Structures are given as structure tokens and as C-alpha cells.
């Protein structure tokens, strides 16, 4: 009954909501293969593209999007990718990606877009600062905020079906391969996946060359167990004490010709992940500065797995 109620709400709310006018924006910058030597070229081209998108959004009368685009276009930002069309996409680097020994890639969940990007930026920046403080001497770190797909709205049918994850998974796999061409094959990559982003990571997991996959505030991954993800990466999971996702039914069923729900809760013993402490925070608090969760995430990224505190 609860699952049926979620489906009904997800269908009715979007149909009764106003449709936002499409915001004009340029096509993404045309770039060659990404390598350590072309990073600065990519950063410069994507900042210029974001600046043009800001001017177009301003002319269109959307001051909020224009402000978001302008912020991304500032000289301090390192954009590996930018697309101002629609909800928008952006991939941003924190640190020296070309020389990083360990890189964390943040994969966001529902309602992350260019309009809400700064909260995602803050999470990645907090992760980068924590790694810089905790990294042993000689260990170089980087963080990537990967908004490389169109995330679903929290209250929509796309938030309870795997369709957006199925679209995003190939792009995430391709991006991780690109990272290898930038940082080299010896660099360790960890995926930090939040909310619906855990569904994306679950879809992408097979053949994904990463050392660890971390599932935060997950509604499920679409499979019944960590083994079903078919990856050699270590699988970690955590949920905050105040996270509303804990009350979402962790089921999966065929309904209206599609799959609804994402199955087993990754923090349940039957799933088989390495469950760690996330503290008392809510759904948006996993990267809060000073939190138990952020400290544990840094330990995972740095390979200090014995130091990770359990739930």
C-alpha cells in the first residue's frame, strides 16, 4: 500500500505542477581527449562556456540560473565539463587531479541541478578539505563533483524507477576511464554515492575500475546484495540517524510496465556491505564539516579502512 501511495504521489504532483520555461544555453565546449596535459585547456573552455550561459540566462530573465552559471565561471573553478542546457550538468575538480594518488568522486542524488549546484559544491569542498587535513605526508588527493547526469526530482516517478540510473551509468563508467587517463592507472578512485546516486553507482558497478563504492542514504541499489553488484570494489554503506530514507520501503516490484523501488537496504545485514557510522545527521548531512560521517569517508578514500568506525 505504501509503495502504491508513493507511485500515486509521484504521478499526480508533477502533472499538477507548473512547467518551467526552458532556459537557453550554448552547446558544451568542443574538447579533445582528456589527459593531464589538457586539463587547463578544459578548465578554461568550460569556464568560458559557463560565462556565456550566464549571459544567455540573464537575457532570458532567469536571474537565479544566471547567478549559478556566473559562479561556476569564476577563475577559481576547475570545470572538467559544463552543459547549461535544461537542468544542466557540471563536473568540477578540487585539488590537483593530474597528480592525485587518491581521488574521491561524488555522485549526487535527486534534485541536484545547476540551480541547486552550490550545495553539491559545498559537499565536495568539505570532502576535499577533510582529505587535505587527514592525508599522510606524501599522499596527494583530489575530489570530483560529478553532476554528469540529469537527476530525478524527489517527488516524481523518475525518483522511484531505475530509468535515470540506466541512462547515467554508461556516462559514469566512461568518466572513470577518463580519470585513469589523467591520473594514471595506479591512482585509487573511490565513488561516494548519495541517495539516488547510489542507484546510479549500483548500475555502473560492473566493470568499474574503482577501489571502493560508498552508498550514503541509499533507497537501494537495484540488487539484493553487494555480491550482485559484480565488482571487485569494496562496498560500504551508511545511513544517518535522522535520514528520512530509512522509512522508505526497500522493495522492488513491477508496476505499470516498469520497475518501482530499488530493493534491499544496503545497511541491512543481508546486503553484505561494510556498514559504518554516519552519526545523527539527516539526508543532506553526510558531508557536514566536523561530522563522524565525513571523517569516516576520508578514511575510506585514503585506504585507512581499519580506522573506519562501525555503526
Protein backbone atom coordinates (compact mmCIF):
# COMPACT_ATOMS: atom_id res chain seq x y z
CA UNK A 1 0.00 0.00 0.00
CA UNK A 2 2.80 2.43 0.88
CA UNK A 3 4.58 1.73 -2.40
CA UNK A 4 1.36 2.34 -4.33
CA UNK A 5 0.94 5.62 -2.46
CA UNK A 6 4.43 6.71 -3.45
CA UNK A 7 3.67 5.98 -7.09
CA UNK A 8 0.40 7.89 -6.97
CA UNK A 9 2.03 10.93 -5.36
CA UNK A 10 4.89 10.83 -7.84
CA UNK A 11 2.49 10.83 -10.76
CA UNK A 12 -0.02 13.40 -9.52
CA UNK A 13 2.37 16.08 -8.19
CA UNK A 14 4.41 16.62 -11.39
CA UNK A 15 1.26 16.69 -13.54
CA UNK A 16 -0.27 19.41 -11.39
CA UNK A 17 2.91 21.47 -11.08
CA UNK A 18 3.78 24.36 -13.36
CA UNK A 19 6.26 23.64 -16.12
CA UNK A 20 9.34 25.83 -16.00
CA UNK A 21 10.25 27.54 -19.29
CA UNK A 22 13.35 26.16 -20.99
CA UNK A 23 16.45 28.24 -20.35
CA UNK A 24 18.62 28.98 -23.41
CA UNK A 25 22.27 27.96 -23.21
CA UNK A 26 25.12 27.21 -25.62
CA UNK A 27 26.15 23.72 -26.61
CA UNK A 28 29.00 22.34 -24.47
CA UNK A 29 32.54 23.35 -25.41
CA UNK A 30 34.17 21.15 -28.04
CA UNK A 31 37.19 19.47 -26.46
CA UNK A 32 39.64 16.75 -27.36
CA UNK A 33 40.55 13.72 -25.26
CA UNK A 34 41.08 14.49 -21.60
CA UNK A 35 44.66 13.99 -20.38
CA UNK A 36 46.87 15.52 -17.72
CA UNK A 37 48.21 17.87 -20.37
CA UNK A 38 44.78 19.12 -21.48
CA UNK A 39 43.26 19.78 -18.05
CA UNK A 40 43.90 23.52 -18.05
CA UNK A 41 42.53 23.82 -21.58
CA UNK A 42 39.35 22.06 -20.46
CA UNK A 43 39.00 24.25 -17.38
CA UNK A 44 39.38 27.43 -19.43
CA UNK A 45 36.95 26.36 -22.16
CA UNK A 46 34.27 25.25 -19.73
CA UNK A 47 34.51 28.43 -17.65
CA UNK A 48 34.04 30.43 -20.84
CA UNK A 49 31.02 28.31 -21.72
CA UNK A 50 29.52 28.86 -18.26
CA UNK A 51 30.04 32.63 -18.63
CA UNK A 52 28.20 32.60 -21.97
CA UNK A 53 25.40 30.52 -20.44
CA UNK A 54 25.11 33.10 -17.65
CA UNK A 55 24.68 35.93 -20.16
CA UNK A 56 22.04 33.97 -22.08
CA UNK A 57 20.14 33.10 -18.91
CA UNK A 58 20.26 36.75 -17.81
CA UNK A 59 18.88 37.89 -21.16
CA UNK A 60 16.14 35.28 -20.80
CA UNK A 61 15.18 36.76 -17.44
CA UNK A 62 16.28 33.85 -15.25
CA UNK A 63 18.48 35.62 -12.73
CA UNK A 64 18.84 32.59 -10.47
CA UNK A 65 20.31 30.40 -13.22
CA UNK A 66 22.44 33.30 -14.44
CA UNK A 67 23.91 33.68 -10.96
CA UNK A 68 24.63 29.94 -10.72
CA UNK A 69 26.35 29.94 -14.10
CA UNK A 70 28.38 33.04 -13.24
CA UNK A 71 29.63 31.44 -10.05
CA UNK A 72 30.81 28.39 -11.97
CA UNK A 73 32.54 30.65 -14.48
CA UNK A 74 34.74 32.31 -11.84
CA UNK A 75 38.51 31.94 -12.40
CA UNK A 76 38.99 29.74 -9.34
CA UNK A 77 36.68 26.97 -10.56
CA UNK A 78 38.05 23.90 -12.32
CA UNK A 79 35.34 22.58 -14.63
CA UNK A 80 36.04 19.35 -16.46
CA UNK A 81 32.64 19.61 -18.10
CA UNK A 82 29.74 22.07 -18.27
CA UNK A 83 26.37 22.00 -20.02
CA UNK A 84 23.96 24.82 -19.23
CA UNK A 85 21.05 23.35 -21.18
CA UNK A 86 17.97 22.08 -19.36
CA UNK A 87 18.59 21.19 -15.72
CA UNK A 88 22.28 21.41 -16.55
CA UNK A 89 25.36 19.30 -15.89
CA UNK A 90 28.77 20.11 -14.46
CA UNK A 91 31.87 18.19 -13.42
CA UNK A 92 34.15 20.10 -11.07
CA UNK A 93 37.62 19.29 -9.71
CA UNK A 94 39.01 20.16 -6.28
CA UNK A 95 42.78 19.74 -5.97
CA UNK A 96 45.45 18.61 -8.41
CA UNK A 97 43.77 15.84 -10.39
CA UNK A 98 46.77 15.16 -12.61
CA UNK A 99 48.98 14.17 -9.67
CA UNK A 100 46.44 12.74 -7.23
CA UNK A 101 47.22 9.40 -5.63
CA UNK A 102 43.68 9.11 -4.30
CA UNK A 103 40.58 10.66 -5.82
CA UNK A 104 37.03 10.77 -4.47
CA UNK A 105 34.18 11.11 -6.97
CA UNK A 106 30.88 12.39 -5.55
CA UNK A 107 27.77 11.11 -7.35
CA UNK A 108 24.69 13.15 -6.33
CA UNK A 109 21.06 12.21 -5.88
CA UNK A 110 17.67 13.73 -6.62
CA UNK A 111 17.10 17.44 -7.17
CA UNK A 112 20.74 18.24 -7.95
CA UNK A 113 20.99 20.60 -10.91
CA UNK A 114 22.73 23.83 -11.87
CA UNK A 115 20.05 25.67 -9.88
CA UNK A 116 20.99 23.79 -6.69
CA UNK A 117 24.62 23.12 -7.58
CA UNK A 118 26.22 25.19 -4.80
CA UNK A 119 25.09 22.78 -2.08
CA UNK A 120 26.74 19.96 -4.04
CA UNK A 121 29.83 22.16 -4.40
CA UNK A 122 29.92 22.68 -0.64
CA UNK A 123 29.80 18.94 -0.01
CA UNK A 124 32.72 18.30 -2.39
CA UNK A 125 34.71 21.20 -0.94
CA UNK A 126 34.22 19.84 2.59
CA UNK A 127 35.41 16.43 1.44
CA UNK A 128 38.49 17.98 -0.15
CA UNK A 129 39.37 19.92 2.99
CA UNK A 130 38.97 16.81 5.15
CA UNK A 131 41.24 14.79 2.87
CA UNK A 132 43.85 17.54 2.86
CA UNK A 133 43.88 17.50 6.67
CA UNK A 134 43.94 13.72 7.06
CA UNK A 135 46.21 12.61 4.20
CA UNK A 136 49.57 11.19 5.30
CA UNK A 137 52.67 13.11 4.19
CA UNK A 138 53.35 12.50 0.52
CA UNK A 139 49.79 11.41 -0.33
CA UNK A 140 48.12 13.71 -2.84
CA UNK A 141 44.34 13.88 -3.04
CA UNK A 142 41.62 15.27 -5.29
CA UNK A 143 37.83 15.37 -5.28
CA UNK A 144 35.48 15.47 -8.25
CA UNK A 145 31.87 16.65 -8.03
CA UNK A 146 30.26 14.63 -10.83
CA UNK A 147 26.93 16.08 -11.88
CA UNK A 148 27.19 14.10 -15.10
CA UNK A 149 23.54 13.14 -15.47
CA UNK A 150 20.06 14.62 -15.20
CA UNK A 151 18.98 13.74 -11.68
CA UNK A 152 15.33 12.96 -10.91
CA UNK A 153 13.07 15.21 -8.87
CA UNK A 154 12.47 13.91 -5.37
CA UNK A 155 8.71 13.89 -5.93
CA UNK A 156 8.44 12.31 -9.37
CA UNK A 157 8.15 8.90 -10.97
CA UNK A 158 11.81 9.10 -12.01
CA UNK A 159 12.88 9.09 -8.34
CA UNK A 160 11.43 5.62 -7.74
CA UNK A 161 12.34 3.94 -11.03
CA UNK A 162 15.78 2.99 -12.41
CA UNK A 163 15.43 4.83 -15.73
CA UNK A 164 17.67 7.82 -14.91
CA UNK A 165 20.26 5.48 -13.39
CA UNK A 166 20.28 3.34 -16.51
CA UNK A 167 20.97 6.48 -18.57
CA UNK A 168 23.67 7.72 -16.19
CA UNK A 169 25.64 4.51 -15.63
CA UNK A 170 27.46 4.44 -19.01
CA UNK A 171 28.47 8.08 -18.54
CA UNK A 172 29.87 7.34 -15.08
CA UNK A 173 31.84 4.36 -16.38
CA UNK A 174 33.26 6.49 -19.21
CA UNK A 175 34.21 9.23 -16.77
CA UNK A 176 36.11 6.84 -14.50
CA UNK A 177 38.03 5.62 -17.55
CA UNK A 178 38.88 9.25 -18.34
CA UNK A 179 40.21 9.70 -14.81
CA UNK A 180 42.62 6.84 -15.45
CA UNK A 181 43.99 8.68 -18.47
CA UNK A 182 44.55 11.78 -16.34
CA UNK A 183 45.87 10.44 -13.02
CA UNK A 184 47.37 7.17 -14.24
CA UNK A 185 46.44 3.54 -13.54
CA UNK A 186 47.99 3.50 -10.05
CA UNK A 187 45.73 6.23 -8.67
CA UNK A 188 42.99 4.93 -6.36
CA UNK A 189 39.44 6.09 -7.10
CA UNK A 190 36.56 5.94 -4.61
CA UNK A 191 32.93 6.60 -5.52
CA UNK A 192 30.92 8.43 -2.86
CA UNK A 193 27.31 7.92 -3.91
CA UNK A 194 24.40 9.73 -2.24
CA UNK A 195 20.67 8.95 -2.33
CA UNK A 196 19.56 8.25 -5.93
CA UNK A 197 23.25 8.42 -6.83
CA UNK A 198 23.58 5.02 -5.14
CA UNK A 199 21.22 3.62 -7.76
CA UNK A 200 23.48 5.10 -10.45
CA UNK A 201 26.58 3.59 -8.84
CA UNK A 202 24.84 0.24 -8.50
CA UNK A 203 24.07 0.21 -12.23
CA UNK A 204 27.59 1.29 -13.13
CA UNK A 205 29.42 -1.03 -10.70
CA UNK A 206 30.20 -3.98 -13.03
CA UNK A 207 33.49 -3.37 -14.88
CA UNK A 208 34.04 -0.12 -12.97
CA UNK A 209 37.72 0.30 -12.03
CA UNK A 210 37.44 1.77 -8.55
CA UNK A 211 38.77 0.62 -5.19
CA UNK A 212 35.67 1.45 -3.12
CA UNK A 213 32.00 2.26 -3.63
CA UNK A 214 30.28 4.06 -0.75
CA UNK A 215 26.47 4.12 -0.50
CA UNK A 216 25.08 7.00 1.58
CA UNK A 217 21.39 7.40 2.44
CA UNK A 218 20.50 4.80 -0.17
CA UNK A 219 16.96 3.85 -1.22
CA UNK A 220 18.55 0.64 -2.59
CA UNK A 221 20.81 -0.18 -5.48
CA UNK A 222 18.51 -2.33 -7.59
CA UNK A 223 20.13 -5.59 -6.43
CA UNK A 224 19.69 -7.83 -3.39
CA UNK A 225 23.29 -7.99 -2.20
CA UNK A 226 26.73 -6.45 -2.52
CA UNK A 227 27.85 -9.56 -4.39
CA UNK A 228 25.15 -8.90 -7.01
CA UNK A 229 26.87 -5.62 -7.91
CA UNK A 230 29.52 -7.80 -9.62
CA UNK A 231 32.51 -5.64 -8.74
CA UNK A 232 35.87 -6.18 -7.08
CA UNK A 233 35.48 -2.85 -5.23
CA UNK A 234 34.85 -2.82 -1.51
CA UNK A 235 31.21 -1.89 -0.84
CA UNK A 236 30.43 0.42 2.08
CA UNK A 237 27.09 1.71 3.34
CA UNK A 238 25.85 4.17 5.95
CA UNK A 239 22.68 5.96 6.93
CA UNK A 240 22.31 8.96 9.24
CA UNK A 241 20.19 8.65 12.36
CA UNK A 242 17.87 11.40 11.10
CA UNK A 243 17.68 10.36 7.44
CA UNK A 244 14.11 10.01 6.16
CA UNK A 245 15.26 7.39 3.63
CA UNK A 246 15.26 4.89 6.48
CA UNK A 247 11.45 4.99 6.34
CA UNK A 248 11.22 4.40 2.59
CA UNK A 249 10.13 0.83 1.75
CA UNK A 250 13.16 -1.06 0.46
CA UNK A 251 11.28 -3.16 -2.04
CA UNK A 252 11.26 -3.63 -5.79
CA UNK A 253 8.20 -4.52 -7.85
CA UNK A 254 6.91 -4.44 -11.39
CA UNK A 255 4.20 -1.79 -11.73
CA UNK A 256 2.68 -0.01 -14.74
CA UNK A 257 5.18 -1.70 -17.06
CA UNK A 258 8.29 -0.59 -15.17
CA UNK A 259 10.25 -1.46 -12.03
CA UNK A 260 9.37 0.58 -8.96
CA UNK A 261 11.66 0.67 -5.93
CA UNK A 262 15.27 -0.43 -5.55
CA UNK A 263 15.27 -3.49 -3.33
CA UNK A 264 17.35 -4.41 -0.31
CA UNK A 265 18.54 -1.73 2.10
CA UNK A 266 22.36 -1.57 1.73
CA UNK A 267 22.83 -1.17 5.51
CA UNK A 268 20.88 -4.36 6.25
CA UNK A 269 22.97 -7.41 7.25
CA UNK A 270 21.58 -9.42 4.34
CA UNK A 271 23.06 -6.99 1.79
CA UNK A 272 26.61 -7.64 2.95
CA UNK A 273 28.16 -4.16 2.73
CA UNK A 274 30.68 -2.80 5.21
CA UNK A 275 28.40 -0.66 7.36
CA UNK A 276 29.98 2.35 9.08
CA UNK A 277 28.88 5.14 11.41
CA UNK A 278 27.25 8.21 9.87
CA UNK A 279 26.20 9.96 13.08
CA UNK A 280 22.80 11.50 13.83
CA UNK A 281 22.51 13.67 10.73
CA UNK A 282 19.75 13.86 8.16
CA UNK A 283 19.64 13.13 4.45
CA UNK A 284 21.75 16.15 3.49
CA UNK A 285 24.33 15.92 6.28
CA UNK A 286 26.75 13.20 5.16
CA UNK A 287 29.43 15.73 4.17
CA UNK A 288 28.87 18.14 7.06
CA UNK A 289 32.20 19.54 8.34
CA UNK A 290 33.19 18.00 11.65
CA UNK A 291 30.78 15.08 11.29
CA UNK A 292 31.52 11.45 12.10
CA UNK A 293 30.49 10.54 8.58
CA UNK A 294 32.90 12.93 6.86
CA UNK A 295 35.78 11.62 8.99
CA UNK A 296 34.91 8.03 8.05
CA UNK A 297 34.61 8.93 4.37
CA UNK A 298 38.11 10.43 4.42
CA UNK A 299 39.49 7.24 5.98
CA UNK A 300 37.86 5.13 3.26
CA UNK A 301 39.20 7.34 0.46
CA UNK A 302 42.69 7.29 1.99
CA UNK A 303 42.65 3.50 2.32
CA UNK A 304 42.71 3.63 6.12
CA UNK A 305 39.95 1.04 6.31
CA UNK A 306 40.93 -0.30 9.74
CA UNK A 307 40.29 3.18 11.18
CA UNK A 308 36.68 3.41 9.92
CA UNK A 309 34.26 3.37 12.85
CA UNK A 310 31.32 0.96 12.71
CA UNK A 311 27.66 1.81 13.04
